[in-house]
Amino acid sequence: MKNIFEAVELNNLRVKNRLVRSATCEGIAALDGSIGDDTYEIYRELAKGGVGTIITGFTSVATNDFYFGGMMRLSDNKLIPQYKKLVEIIHAEDCAAISQLALGAFYDKNFVEVSENNLSTENVREIIKMFVDAAIRAELCGFDGVQIHAAHFFFLSRFISPLINHRTDEFGGSTANRAKILLDILNGIKTSAPRLHVTIKINSSDFTSSGLEETESLLICKLLAAAGIDSIEVSGNGTSVGGIKAGVNEGYFANFAARLTEVVSVPIICVGGWRSRQVIEKFLNDSKIELISLSRPLVREPDLPKKFLSGSSDVSKCVSCNACYRTPAHRCIFGRRR
């Protein structure tokens, strides 16, 4: 029987329990990716709340990525001391720290966004190197791992989608060719930062006509598993579904995640609408899923894992209103009601 609060051994990573804080962008970093006390306090509170692993918010690998404001970055060595402090804050609570490495869009030297199809082959290789270099910086900061962000229709998600990618070079056409960018990033990180646990966040489906569908996502995950990915977090476009009720409609990516465990042998992390300890533990024991990741419930209650553990609460207070995404630093509009 699996228990939420048992330690789990993964490749290059030991976590104290099966609960993961899924990457949630706070949007409060400076333009250059610098972070300060407000960011440190958010992560200190999360770590003290008892979650076993924290995946940091969207962290761009590029200095000139302006897809949205306030993103963290690991694109410059000068940022290493600030992110090293962030890792120390997380580690102080016996919590694993993973940096989510991402790219919103690629911009040329004139700060003009270049579409996935108009990038040169050398541009694509440049992007691969940016991800690898950012992973090296993450390792220098002391992060336990990195997550390649290939979901939610940011750059890598668009690049692997048949709806978007119409390239005719080695990075376009077949499923394997479109996935090559992910495999090259993975191989580069494994070679250059071998101490890190390398995970990936990927759409189960783009949920749009002619986009990535479940069958092809399964195939890409099989390619990643064969190439040595350490774990996979299952997500999808339109992730923050409203109207989630405990015991009624939790785990909206659960079916795909369970299917994925039957075709790959690497640990699977499942995000998406989890609200109650009972449902989480049942799903863990009815499937081969290893870890459950949470976002909005930890915005409402950063200490929810401790409440689960103590028995003071079995159900998240999150009502799935999504109003937190419209506030500075993605704070719950209802406050921290204990």
Protein backbone atom coordinates (compact mmCIF):
# COMPACT_ATOMS: atom_id res chain seq x y z
CA MET A 1 0.00 0.00 0.00
CA LYS A 2 1.28 3.44 -0.92
CA ASN A 3 1.07 6.18 1.64
CA ILE A 4 1.24 9.88 0.80
CA PHE A 5 3.73 10.48 3.58
CA GLU A 6 6.32 7.82 2.85
CA ALA A 7 9.71 8.64 1.39
CA VAL A 8 10.28 7.85 -2.29
CA GLU A 9 13.59 7.13 -4.02
CA LEU A 10 13.88 8.35 -7.61
CA ASN A 11 16.91 8.60 -9.84
CA ASN A 12 19.20 11.28 -8.37
CA LEU A 13 16.43 12.31 -5.98
CA ARG A 14 15.03 11.25 -2.61
CA VAL A 15 11.80 12.94 -1.48
CA LYS A 16 10.21 12.76 1.97
CA ASN A 17 6.66 12.29 0.67
CA ARG A 18 4.62 11.88 -2.50
CA LEU A 19 3.28 15.44 -2.69
CA VAL A 20 4.81 17.89 -5.15
CA ARG A 21 4.21 21.60 -5.51
CA SER A 22 3.63 21.88 -9.25
CA ALA A 23 5.33 24.87 -10.86
CA THR A 24 3.23 28.00 -10.40
CA CYS A 25 4.52 31.27 -11.82
CA GLU A 26 4.42 34.10 -9.29
CA GLY A 27 5.31 36.76 -11.88
CA ILE A 28 7.17 38.97 -9.42
CA ALA A 29 10.81 38.67 -10.51
CA ALA A 30 12.65 41.69 -11.88
CA LEU A 31 13.10 42.09 -15.63
CA ASP A 32 16.53 40.42 -15.49
CA GLY A 33 15.18 37.51 -13.44
CA SER A 34 16.42 38.77 -10.08
CA ILE A 35 14.41 37.67 -7.05
CA GLY A 36 14.07 39.12 -3.57
CA ASP A 37 12.41 38.80 -0.19
CA ASP A 38 8.86 38.46 -1.54
CA THR A 39 9.86 35.40 -3.57
CA TYR A 40 11.88 33.94 -0.73
CA GLU A 41 8.91 34.29 1.63
CA ILE A 42 6.55 32.45 -0.76
CA TYR A 43 8.93 29.50 -1.03
CA ARG A 44 9.78 29.51 2.68
CA GLU A 45 6.07 29.22 3.47
CA LEU A 46 5.60 26.42 0.93
CA ALA A 47 8.59 24.47 2.25
CA LYS A 48 7.45 24.86 5.86
CA GLY A 49 4.02 23.63 4.81
CA GLY A 50 5.26 20.07 4.47
CA VAL A 51 5.28 19.37 0.73
CA GLY A 52 7.99 16.90 -0.26
CA THR A 53 9.15 18.58 -3.46
CA ILE A 54 8.86 22.11 -4.81
CA ILE A 55 9.10 22.82 -8.52
CA THR A 56 9.77 26.52 -8.86
CA GLY A 57 7.67 28.75 -11.10
CA PHE A 58 8.35 29.33 -14.80
CA THR A 59 12.10 30.02 -15.05
CA SER A 60 13.18 31.22 -18.47
CA VAL A 61 16.42 30.00 -19.97
CA ALA A 62 16.76 33.19 -22.06
CA THR A 63 17.70 36.73 -21.09
CA ASN A 64 15.57 38.26 -23.84
CA ASP A 65 12.42 36.17 -23.37
CA PHE A 66 9.61 38.71 -22.93
CA TYR A 67 6.63 36.39 -23.36
CA PHE A 68 5.18 37.68 -20.09
CA GLY A 69 6.43 39.79 -17.22
CA GLY A 70 7.95 38.86 -13.89
CA MET A 71 9.42 35.52 -14.91
CA MET A 72 12.36 34.07 -13.02
CA ARG A 73 15.45 33.32 -15.09
CA LEU A 74 18.57 31.15 -15.01
CA SER A 75 20.07 32.78 -18.07
CA ASP A 76 23.03 34.55 -16.47
CA ASN A 77 25.68 33.45 -13.98
CA LYS A 78 25.17 36.63 -11.98
CA LEU A 79 21.79 35.25 -10.84
CA ILE A 80 23.30 32.13 -9.25
CA PRO A 81 23.74 33.60 -5.71
CA GLN A 82 20.07 34.64 -5.53
CA TYR A 83 18.79 31.24 -6.63
CA LYS A 84 21.29 29.47 -4.40
CA LYS A 85 19.67 31.30 -1.47
CA LEU A 86 16.25 30.15 -2.70
CA VAL A 87 17.43 26.54 -2.74
CA GLU A 88 18.86 26.87 0.77
CA ILE A 89 15.49 28.15 2.03
CA ILE A 90 13.72 25.14 0.51
CA HIS A 91 16.31 22.63 1.69
CA ALA A 92 16.13 23.98 5.25
CA GLU A 93 12.76 22.22 5.55
CA ASP A 94 13.97 18.87 4.16
CA CYS A 95 12.20 19.65 0.90
CA ALA A 96 13.58 18.82 -2.55
CA ALA A 97 14.03 21.74 -4.98
CA ILE A 98 13.53 21.46 -8.74
CA SER A 99 13.84 24.39 -11.13
CA GLN A 100 11.35 24.49 -13.98
CA LEU A 101 13.31 25.47 -17.10
CA ALA A 102 11.16 27.09 -19.74
CA LEU A 103 10.98 29.38 -22.73
CA GLY A 104 8.01 31.55 -23.57
CA ALA A 105 9.23 32.51 -27.03
CA PHE A 106 12.45 33.08 -28.98
CA TYR A 107 13.32 36.69 -29.80
CA ASP A 108 15.95 37.86 -32.29
CA LYS A 109 18.56 40.57 -31.65
CA ASN A 110 15.97 43.22 -32.55
CA PHE A 111 13.62 41.85 -29.85
CA VAL A 112 11.20 40.52 -32.44
CA GLU A 113 9.53 37.19 -31.70
CA VAL A 114 10.49 34.48 -34.18
CA SER A 115 7.93 31.75 -34.82
CA GLU A 116 8.79 28.09 -34.40
CA ASN A 117 8.71 27.55 -38.16
CA ASN A 118 10.90 30.54 -39.00
CA LEU A 119 13.74 29.60 -36.70
CA SER A 120 16.86 28.43 -38.45
CA THR A 121 18.29 25.04 -37.54
CA GLU A 122 21.08 26.92 -35.78
CA ASN A 123 18.51 28.90 -33.82
CA VAL A 124 17.01 25.63 -32.58
CA ARG A 125 20.42 24.38 -31.54
CA GLU A 126 20.98 27.69 -29.75
CA ILE A 127 17.77 27.14 -27.79
CA ILE A 128 18.86 23.62 -26.86
CA LYS A 129 22.13 25.06 -25.53
CA MET A 130 20.23 27.68 -23.51
CA PHE A 131 18.33 24.92 -21.73
CA VAL A 132 21.51 22.97 -21.04
CA ASP A 133 23.37 26.04 -19.80
CA ALA A 134 20.47 26.92 -17.49
CA ALA A 135 20.54 23.38 -16.09
CA ILE A 136 24.26 23.75 -15.37
CA ARG A 137 23.47 26.96 -13.46
CA ALA A 138 20.69 25.14 -11.59
CA GLU A 139 23.19 22.51 -10.51
CA LEU A 140 25.58 25.24 -9.33
CA CYS A 141 22.72 26.75 -7.32
CA GLY A 142 22.20 23.42 -5.57
CA PHE A 143 18.89 22.45 -7.14
CA ASP A 144 18.17 18.73 -6.90
CA GLY A 145 16.74 18.65 -10.38
CA VAL A 146 15.28 20.52 -13.31
CA GLN A 147 12.00 20.25 -15.15
CA ILE A 148 11.86 20.77 -18.90
CA HIS A 149 8.63 22.71 -19.48
CA ALA A 150 7.02 21.25 -22.61
CA ALA A 151 3.40 21.95 -21.67
CA HIS A 152 0.76 24.70 -21.70
CA PHE A 153 1.60 25.89 -25.20
CA PHE A 154 4.76 27.73 -24.27
CA PHE A 155 7.64 27.40 -26.74
CA LEU A 156 8.53 23.71 -26.38
CA SER A 157 4.86 22.72 -26.22
CA ARG A 158 4.17 24.60 -29.45
CA PHE A 159 7.29 23.18 -31.06
CA ILE A 160 6.26 19.56 -30.57
CA SER A 161 2.64 20.19 -31.59
CA PRO A 162 1.63 19.14 -35.14
CA LEU A 163 -0.71 22.14 -35.15
CA ILE A 164 2.24 24.55 -34.98
CA ASN A 165 5.38 22.78 -36.19
CA HIS A 166 5.48 22.58 -39.98
CA ARG A 167 9.26 22.54 -40.28
CA THR A 168 10.98 20.49 -42.98
CA ASP A 169 14.39 20.08 -41.33
CA GLU A 170 15.48 17.48 -38.76
CA PHE A 171 13.25 19.14 -36.14
CA GLY A 172 9.98 18.89 -38.06
CA GLY A 173 7.62 16.46 -39.72
CA SER A 174 7.34 13.15 -37.89
CA THR A 175 6.60 12.78 -34.20
CA ALA A 176 10.20 11.73 -33.57
CA ASN A 177 11.56 14.75 -35.43
CA ARG A 178 9.33 17.19 -33.56
CA ALA A 179 10.35 15.54 -30.28
CA LYS A 180 14.07 15.71 -31.17
CA ILE A 181 14.42 19.10 -29.48
CA LEU A 182 13.29 17.54 -26.18
CA LEU A 183 15.63 14.58 -26.55
CA ASP A 184 18.58 16.82 -27.41
CA ILE A 185 17.88 19.01 -24.36
CA LEU A 186 17.60 15.92 -22.17
CA ASN A 187 20.81 14.40 -23.49
CA GLY A 188 22.64 17.70 -23.09
CA ILE A 189 21.57 18.07 -19.46
CA LYS A 190 22.39 14.46 -18.65
CA THR A 191 25.87 14.95 -20.07
CA SER A 192 26.61 18.38 -18.60
CA ALA A 193 24.82 18.17 -15.24
CA PRO A 194 24.68 14.45 -14.41
CA ARG A 195 23.86 14.98 -10.72
CA LEU A 196 20.43 16.41 -11.49
CA HIS A 197 17.12 14.62 -11.56
CA VAL A 198 15.62 15.56 -14.94
CA THR A 199 11.85 15.60 -15.25
CA ILE A 200 9.55 16.99 -17.92
CA LYS A 201 6.08 18.52 -17.92
CA ILE A 202 4.13 17.60 -21.02
CA ASN A 203 0.59 17.96 -22.32
CA SER A 204 -1.46 14.80 -22.36
CA SER A 205 -3.31 16.65 -25.12
CA ASP A 206 -3.37 20.15 -26.60
CA PHE A 207 -7.18 19.92 -26.53
CA THR A 208 -7.39 21.70 -29.83
CA SER A 209 -8.09 20.56 -33.37
CA SER A 210 -4.97 19.20 -35.16
CA GLY A 211 -2.89 19.60 -31.99
CA LEU A 212 -1.01 17.03 -29.95
CA GLU A 213 -3.36 14.23 -28.95
CA GLU A 214 -3.05 11.50 -26.37
CA THR A 215 -1.75 8.80 -28.70
CA GLU A 216 1.11 10.99 -29.89
CA SER A 217 1.84 12.27 -26.39
CA LEU A 218 2.23 8.66 -25.25
CA LEU A 219 4.68 8.07 -28.09
CA ILE A 220 6.75 11.15 -27.18
CA CYS A 221 6.82 10.01 -23.55
CA LYS A 222 8.07 6.59 -24.67
CA LEU A 223 10.88 8.30 -26.61
CA LEU A 224 11.79 10.35 -23.54
CA ALA A 225 11.75 7.29 -21.31
CA ALA A 226 14.03 5.42 -23.69
CA ALA A 227 16.39 8.43 -23.70
CA GLY A 228 16.67 8.40 -19.91
CA ILE A 229 14.16 10.92 -18.54
CA ASP A 230 13.91 10.46 -14.77
CA SER A 231 10.21 11.28 -14.35
CA ILE A 232 7.29 12.77 -16.29
CA GLU A 233 4.64 15.20 -15.01
CA VAL A 234 1.37 14.85 -16.92
CA SER A 235 -0.57 18.03 -17.65
CA GLY A 236 -2.42 19.57 -20.60
CA ASN A 237 -3.66 22.83 -22.07
CA GLY A 238 -6.35 24.59 -20.09
CA THR A 239 -5.09 23.07 -16.86
CA SER A 240 -6.86 25.22 -14.26
CA VAL A 241 -10.31 23.72 -14.59
CA GLY A 242 -12.96 25.45 -12.50
CA GLY A 243 -15.64 23.82 -10.41
CA ILE A 244 -13.49 21.07 -8.92
CA LYS A 245 -15.20 19.42 -5.95
CA ALA A 246 -13.57 17.00 -3.55
CA GLY A 247 -14.62 13.43 -4.17
CA VAL A 248 -16.60 14.38 -7.29
CA ASN A 249 -14.39 15.38 -10.20
CA GLU A 250 -10.81 15.35 -8.97
CA GLY A 251 -7.81 14.34 -11.09
CA TYR A 252 -8.78 15.39 -14.60
CA PHE A 253 -5.52 14.04 -16.09
CA ALA A 254 -5.67 10.85 -14.04
CA ASN A 255 -6.82 8.52 -16.81
CA PHE A 256 -4.04 9.54 -19.17
CA ALA A 257 -1.44 9.40 -16.40
CA ALA A 258 -2.54 5.88 -15.47
CA ARG A 259 -2.34 4.83 -19.15
CA LEU A 260 1.15 6.28 -19.36
CA THR A 261 2.36 4.13 -16.45
CA GLU A 262 1.50 1.08 -18.53
CA VAL A 263 3.78 2.03 -21.42
CA VAL A 264 6.81 3.55 -19.64
CA SER A 265 8.75 2.42 -16.59
CA VAL A 266 9.76 5.87 -15.31
CA PRO A 267 7.93 7.48 -12.37
CA ILE A 268 4.85 9.51 -13.33
CA ILE A 269 3.68 12.66 -11.55
CA CYS A 270 0.04 13.62 -12.01
CA VAL A 271 -1.29 17.17 -11.58
CA GLY A 272 -4.79 18.48 -12.15
CA GLY A 273 -7.61 19.11 -9.70
CA TRP A 274 -6.59 17.10 -6.64
CA ARG A 275 -8.41 18.23 -3.51
CA SER A 276 -8.72 15.44 -0.94
CA ARG A 277 -6.39 13.04 0.81
CA GLN A 278 -8.82 10.15 0.38
CA VAL A 279 -9.05 10.50 -3.40
CA ILE A 280 -5.31 11.05 -3.78
CA GLU A 281 -4.42 7.95 -1.79
CA LYS A 282 -7.00 5.85 -3.61
CA PHE A 283 -5.60 6.91 -6.98
CA LEU A 284 -2.04 6.23 -5.87
CA ASN A 285 -3.02 2.72 -4.81
CA ASP A 286 -5.24 1.98 -7.80
CA SER A 287 -2.51 2.92 -10.26
CA LYS A 288 1.26 2.91 -10.69
CA ILE A 289 1.45 6.69 -10.18
CA GLU A 290 4.28 7.63 -7.83
CA LEU A 291 3.71 11.33 -7.08
CA ILE A 292 0.82 13.81 -7.01
CA SER A 293 1.39 17.49 -7.74
CA LEU A 294 -0.69 20.40 -6.50
CA SER A 295 -0.89 24.05 -7.48
CA ARG A 296 -4.02 25.99 -6.51
CA PRO A 297 -4.58 24.09 -3.23
CA LEU A 298 -1.11 25.22 -2.09
CA VAL A 299 -1.89 28.79 -3.12
CA ARG A 300 -4.87 28.67 -0.76
CA GLU A 301 -3.14 26.62 1.93
CA PRO A 302 0.66 26.30 1.72
CA ASP A 303 0.46 24.11 4.83
CA LEU A 304 -2.09 21.68 3.38
CA PRO A 305 0.38 18.75 3.47
CA LYS A 306 0.91 19.28 7.20
CA LYS A 307 -2.86 19.40 7.70
CA PHE A 308 -3.22 16.12 5.80
CA LEU A 309 -0.46 14.57 7.91
CA SER A 310 -1.85 15.73 11.25
CA GLY A 311 -5.42 14.84 10.35
CA SER A 312 -6.62 18.37 11.04
CA SER A 313 -7.96 18.50 7.48
CA ASP A 314 -8.55 15.97 4.73
CA VAL A 315 -9.87 18.35 2.07
CA SER A 316 -8.41 21.49 0.49
CA LYS A 317 -10.28 24.75 0.99
CA CYS A 318 -9.53 25.72 -2.65
CA VAL A 319 -12.77 26.39 -4.56
CA SER A 320 -11.12 26.46 -8.01
CA CYS A 321 -12.26 30.03 -8.72
CA ASN A 322 -8.92 30.85 -10.43
CA ALA A 323 -9.03 34.40 -9.06
CA CYS A 324 -5.52 33.85 -7.67
CA TYR A 325 -4.16 34.10 -11.21
CA ARG A 326 -5.40 37.68 -11.39
CA THR A 327 -3.63 38.84 -8.24
CA PRO A 328 -0.03 39.99 -7.67
CA ALA A 329 2.15 36.95 -6.91
CA HIS A 330 -0.87 34.66 -7.44
CA ARG A 331 -2.24 34.94 -3.94
CA CYS A 332 -5.55 33.48 -2.81
CA ILE A 333 -8.26 36.17 -2.68
CA PHE A 334 -9.76 34.50 0.39
CA GLY A 335 -6.57 34.87 2.39
CA ARG A 336 -4.98 32.23 4.58
CA ARG A 337 -7.93 30.97 6.55
CA ARG A 338 -6.88 28.22 8.88
